[in-house]
Amino acid sequence: MVDFDTYVLFLAACLALLIVPGPDMAFVLGTTVNRGRKAGILAILGLESGAMVHLLAAVLGLSALLMASPVAFLVVKSIGSAYLVWIGAKALFDSWEGRRSAAGDGVRDGARPVFLQGVLCCVLNPTVAVFYLAFLPQFTTPDEGNRVWQMVLLGTTLNVMALVFNLVLVHFASAITARLRESPDGARWQLRAMGTVFVGLGLKLAIEGVPR
């Protein structure tokens, strides 16, 4: 379906992309640090579900429509940036109020909110849609058959690699910060760090230009 040499090159490119910090990595690490391993895993599952939505949109051509409409791109980008800022502001507010995440697995208030946060963080980031539409076709070849199925294979491969990579991150982040989460002061500073990062990411997304 995809030329072997091209597929190997694609794997190398994916690995290089995964190690570069971005909103997804910040969300996974922030959730894990503040709420523990199980919450981090739920965040990953949410992000990967959102990534599959973007892959489906790229295959169906919806991402192309988003890129072709500056207004639609701006609307989605504004919603996404506002959502990231809201997550960050909420974390900062909780830290100032002296609140802390529940000890233990960090999902005593339910798994669904953490999962949905991951989905929304990914789906509401239009730059992810642009990435799928611009990145995947570079590794498809007409001689190897239907390009749609090639994009499905490549996109699924990228998402599986991201899943494994993020699970490793969660494992180490949870092990390193477990003791900090048990300390009220440590928990507050973790919330402040997470809040600052997400406000910054939201503002960064807000000022990014619309693709032409």
Protein backbone atom coordinates (compact mmCIF):
# COMPACT_ATOMS: atom_id res chain seq x y z
CA MET A 1 0.00 0.00 0.00
CA VAL A 2 2.91 2.34 0.78
CA ASP A 3 6.41 1.94 -0.60
CA PHE A 4 8.66 0.40 2.10
CA ASP A 5 11.44 2.99 1.82
CA THR A 6 8.89 5.79 1.95
CA TYR A 7 7.26 4.21 4.99
CA VAL A 8 10.59 4.01 6.82
CA LEU A 9 11.21 7.67 6.02
CA PHE A 10 7.74 8.48 7.33
CA LEU A 11 8.45 6.66 10.60
CA ALA A 12 11.64 8.67 11.06
CA ALA A 13 9.79 11.93 10.37
CA CYS A 14 7.06 11.00 12.88
CA LEU A 15 9.63 10.25 15.57
CA ALA A 16 11.26 13.63 15.01
CA LEU A 17 7.88 15.36 15.26
CA LEU A 18 6.86 13.55 18.43
CA ILE A 19 9.88 14.63 20.47
CA VAL A 20 9.20 18.32 19.76
CA PRO A 21 7.14 19.83 22.64
CA GLY A 22 3.70 21.07 21.70
CA PRO A 23 0.16 21.56 23.09
CA ASP A 24 -0.57 17.82 23.18
CA MET A 25 2.59 17.04 25.14
CA ALA A 26 1.89 19.93 27.51
CA PHE A 27 -1.65 18.71 28.11
CA VAL A 28 -0.55 15.12 28.78
CA LEU A 29 2.28 16.13 31.10
CA GLY A 30 0.21 18.75 32.89
CA THR A 31 -2.65 16.33 33.50
CA THR A 32 -0.30 13.59 34.68
CA VAL A 33 1.69 15.84 36.97
CA ASN A 34 -1.41 17.26 38.63
CA ARG A 35 -3.76 14.29 38.64
CA GLY A 36 -1.72 11.13 38.28
CA ARG A 37 -1.13 8.25 35.92
CA LYS A 38 -4.73 7.23 35.20
CA ALA A 39 -5.74 10.79 34.39
CA GLY A 40 -2.74 11.08 32.08
CA ILE A 41 -3.76 7.92 30.22
CA LEU A 42 -7.31 9.23 29.84
CA ALA A 43 -5.90 12.48 28.47
CA ILE A 44 -3.91 10.51 25.90
CA LEU A 45 -6.96 8.52 24.82
CA GLY A 46 -8.87 11.76 24.38
CA LEU A 47 -6.10 13.34 22.31
CA GLU A 48 -5.78 10.28 20.09
CA SER A 49 -9.54 10.21 19.55
CA GLY A 50 -9.35 13.83 18.47
CA ALA A 51 -6.43 13.00 16.19
CA MET A 52 -8.51 10.31 14.49
CA VAL A 53 -11.20 12.94 13.88
CA HIS A 54 -8.62 15.12 12.13
CA LEU A 55 -7.40 12.14 10.11
CA LEU A 56 -10.95 11.37 8.99
CA ALA A 57 -11.46 15.03 8.10
CA ALA A 58 -8.27 15.03 6.03
CA VAL A 59 -9.33 11.88 4.18
CA LEU A 60 -12.81 13.25 3.48
CA GLY A 61 -11.47 16.61 2.37
CA LEU A 62 -12.99 18.61 5.24
CA SER A 63 -9.58 19.90 6.26
CA ALA A 64 -9.13 21.30 2.76
CA LEU A 65 -12.38 23.22 3.15
CA LEU A 66 -11.16 24.57 6.49
CA MET A 67 -7.91 25.75 4.91
CA ALA A 68 -9.78 27.31 1.98
CA SER A 69 -11.99 29.38 4.27
CA PRO A 70 -10.08 31.93 6.38
CA VAL A 71 -13.28 32.73 8.27
CA ALA A 72 -13.91 29.09 9.24
CA PHE A 73 -10.28 28.67 10.22
CA LEU A 74 -10.43 31.83 12.35
CA VAL A 75 -13.61 30.70 14.10
CA VAL A 76 -12.21 27.26 14.99
CA LYS A 77 -8.87 28.78 16.01
CA SER A 78 -10.57 31.33 18.25
CA ILE A 79 -12.64 28.65 19.98
CA GLY A 80 -9.57 26.46 20.43
CA SER A 81 -7.39 29.24 21.80
CA ALA A 82 -10.16 30.35 24.17
CA TYR A 83 -10.54 26.78 25.42
CA LEU A 84 -6.80 26.45 26.12
CA VAL A 85 -6.78 29.79 27.96
CA TRP A 86 -9.82 28.67 29.97
CA ILE A 87 -8.06 25.46 31.06
CA GLY A 88 -4.99 27.45 32.06
CA ALA A 89 -6.97 30.14 33.87
CA LYS A 90 -8.95 27.51 35.78
CA ALA A 91 -5.72 25.84 36.92
CA LEU A 92 -4.33 29.19 38.06
CA PHE A 93 -7.55 30.02 39.90
CA ASP A 94 -7.55 26.64 41.63
CA SER A 95 -3.95 27.17 42.75
CA TRP A 96 -4.74 30.60 44.19
CA GLU A 97 -7.79 29.20 45.97
CA GLY A 98 -5.60 26.55 47.54
CA ARG A 99 -7.36 23.68 45.81
CA ARG A 100 -5.57 20.51 44.83
CA SER A 101 -6.33 17.43 42.79
CA ALA A 102 -7.65 14.40 44.58
CA ALA A 103 -4.92 12.13 45.78
CA GLY A 104 -4.47 8.74 44.17
CA ASP A 105 -5.63 8.16 40.64
CA GLY A 106 -6.87 11.73 40.10
CA VAL A 107 -10.14 10.68 38.42
CA ARG A 108 -12.49 10.52 41.38
CA ASP A 109 -14.69 13.16 39.75
CA GLY A 110 -15.14 10.89 36.74
CA ALA A 111 -13.10 9.78 33.76
CA ARG A 112 -15.26 11.47 31.13
CA PRO A 113 -14.21 15.10 31.82
CA VAL A 114 -10.51 14.28 31.44
CA PHE A 115 -11.15 12.30 28.25
CA LEU A 116 -13.34 15.04 26.76
CA GLN A 117 -10.72 17.68 27.57
CA GLY A 118 -8.23 15.69 25.53
CA VAL A 119 -10.65 15.36 22.62
CA LEU A 120 -11.46 19.07 22.60
CA CYS A 121 -7.83 20.15 22.94
CA CYS A 122 -7.04 18.27 19.75
CA VAL A 123 -10.21 18.81 17.71
CA LEU A 124 -10.33 22.56 18.40
CA ASN A 125 -6.76 23.08 17.21
CA PRO A 126 -7.09 23.82 13.47
CA THR A 127 -3.33 23.68 12.97
CA VAL A 128 -3.60 19.91 13.53
CA ALA A 129 -6.04 19.70 10.62
CA VAL A 130 -3.64 21.69 8.46
CA PHE A 131 -0.78 19.44 9.55
CA TYR A 132 -2.57 16.23 8.53
CA LEU A 133 -3.57 17.69 5.20
CA ALA A 134 -0.07 19.01 4.43
CA PHE A 135 2.09 16.26 5.95
CA LEU A 136 0.50 12.93 5.03
CA PRO A 137 0.19 13.42 1.24
CA GLN A 138 3.96 13.96 1.01
CA PHE A 139 4.45 10.26 1.76
CA THR A 140 1.83 8.87 -0.59
CA THR A 141 2.72 7.54 -4.04
CA PRO A 142 0.30 7.10 -6.97
CA ASP A 143 2.01 3.86 -8.03
CA GLU A 144 1.09 2.18 -4.74
CA GLY A 145 -2.69 2.37 -5.18
CA ASN A 146 -5.45 4.51 -3.71
CA ARG A 147 -3.97 7.54 -1.93
CA VAL A 148 -6.89 7.69 0.48
CA TRP A 149 -6.01 4.31 1.97
CA GLN A 150 -2.36 5.30 2.05
CA MET A 151 -3.30 8.37 4.11
CA VAL A 152 -5.37 6.19 6.43
CA LEU A 153 -2.40 3.88 6.98
CA LEU A 154 0.05 6.73 7.50
CA GLY A 155 -2.27 8.68 9.80
CA THR A 156 -3.06 5.60 11.88
CA THR A 157 0.65 4.83 12.14
CA LEU A 158 1.35 8.36 13.38
CA ASN A 159 -1.43 8.14 15.96
CA VAL A 160 -0.23 4.75 17.26
CA MET A 161 3.32 6.09 17.57
CA ALA A 162 1.99 9.13 19.43
CA LEU A 163 0.00 6.85 21.74
CA VAL A 164 3.06 4.79 22.67
CA PHE A 165 5.27 7.87 23.04
CA ASN A 166 2.78 9.62 25.31
CA LEU A 167 2.26 6.51 27.43
CA VAL A 168 6.00 6.47 28.10
CA LEU A 169 5.84 10.16 29.04
CA VAL A 170 2.98 9.49 31.44
CA HIS A 171 4.84 6.64 33.10
CA PHE A 172 7.92 8.70 33.85
CA ALA A 173 6.06 11.92 34.70
CA SER A 174 3.83 10.09 37.16
CA ALA A 175 6.76 8.34 38.83
CA ILE A 176 8.77 11.54 39.16
CA THR A 177 5.97 13.76 40.49
CA ALA A 178 4.02 11.31 42.67
CA ARG A 179 5.53 12.71 45.87
CA LEU A 180 4.96 16.31 44.80
CA ARG A 181 1.25 15.64 44.31
CA GLU A 182 1.02 14.57 47.96
CA SER A 183 2.30 17.98 49.08
CA PRO A 184 -0.20 20.89 49.12
CA ASP A 185 2.53 23.38 48.19
CA GLY A 186 3.86 21.11 45.46
CA ALA A 187 0.36 20.63 44.04
CA ARG A 188 -0.25 24.38 43.98
CA TRP A 189 2.98 25.08 42.12
CA GLN A 190 2.20 22.32 39.64
CA LEU A 191 -1.20 23.88 38.97
CA ARG A 192 0.42 27.28 38.47
CA ALA A 193 2.96 25.87 36.06
CA MET A 194 0.27 24.02 34.11
CA GLY A 195 -1.99 27.08 34.04
CA THR A 196 0.79 29.35 32.79
CA VAL A 197 1.72 26.89 30.03
CA PHE A 198 -1.85 26.55 28.80
CA VAL A 199 -2.56 30.28 28.85
CA GLY A 200 0.62 30.73 26.83
CA LEU A 201 -0.37 28.01 24.36
CA GLY A 202 -3.82 29.54 23.95
CA LEU A 203 -2.37 32.97 23.26
CA LYS A 204 0.16 31.49 20.84
CA LEU A 205 -2.62 29.75 18.91
CA ALA A 206 -4.64 32.98 18.89
CA ILE A 207 -1.89 34.98 17.17
CA GLU A 208 -0.95 32.33 14.61
CA GLY A 209 -1.74 33.39 11.08
CA VAL A 210 -4.48 31.95 8.88
CA PRO A 211 -3.05 29.69 6.15
CA ARG A 212 -3.30 31.06 2.61
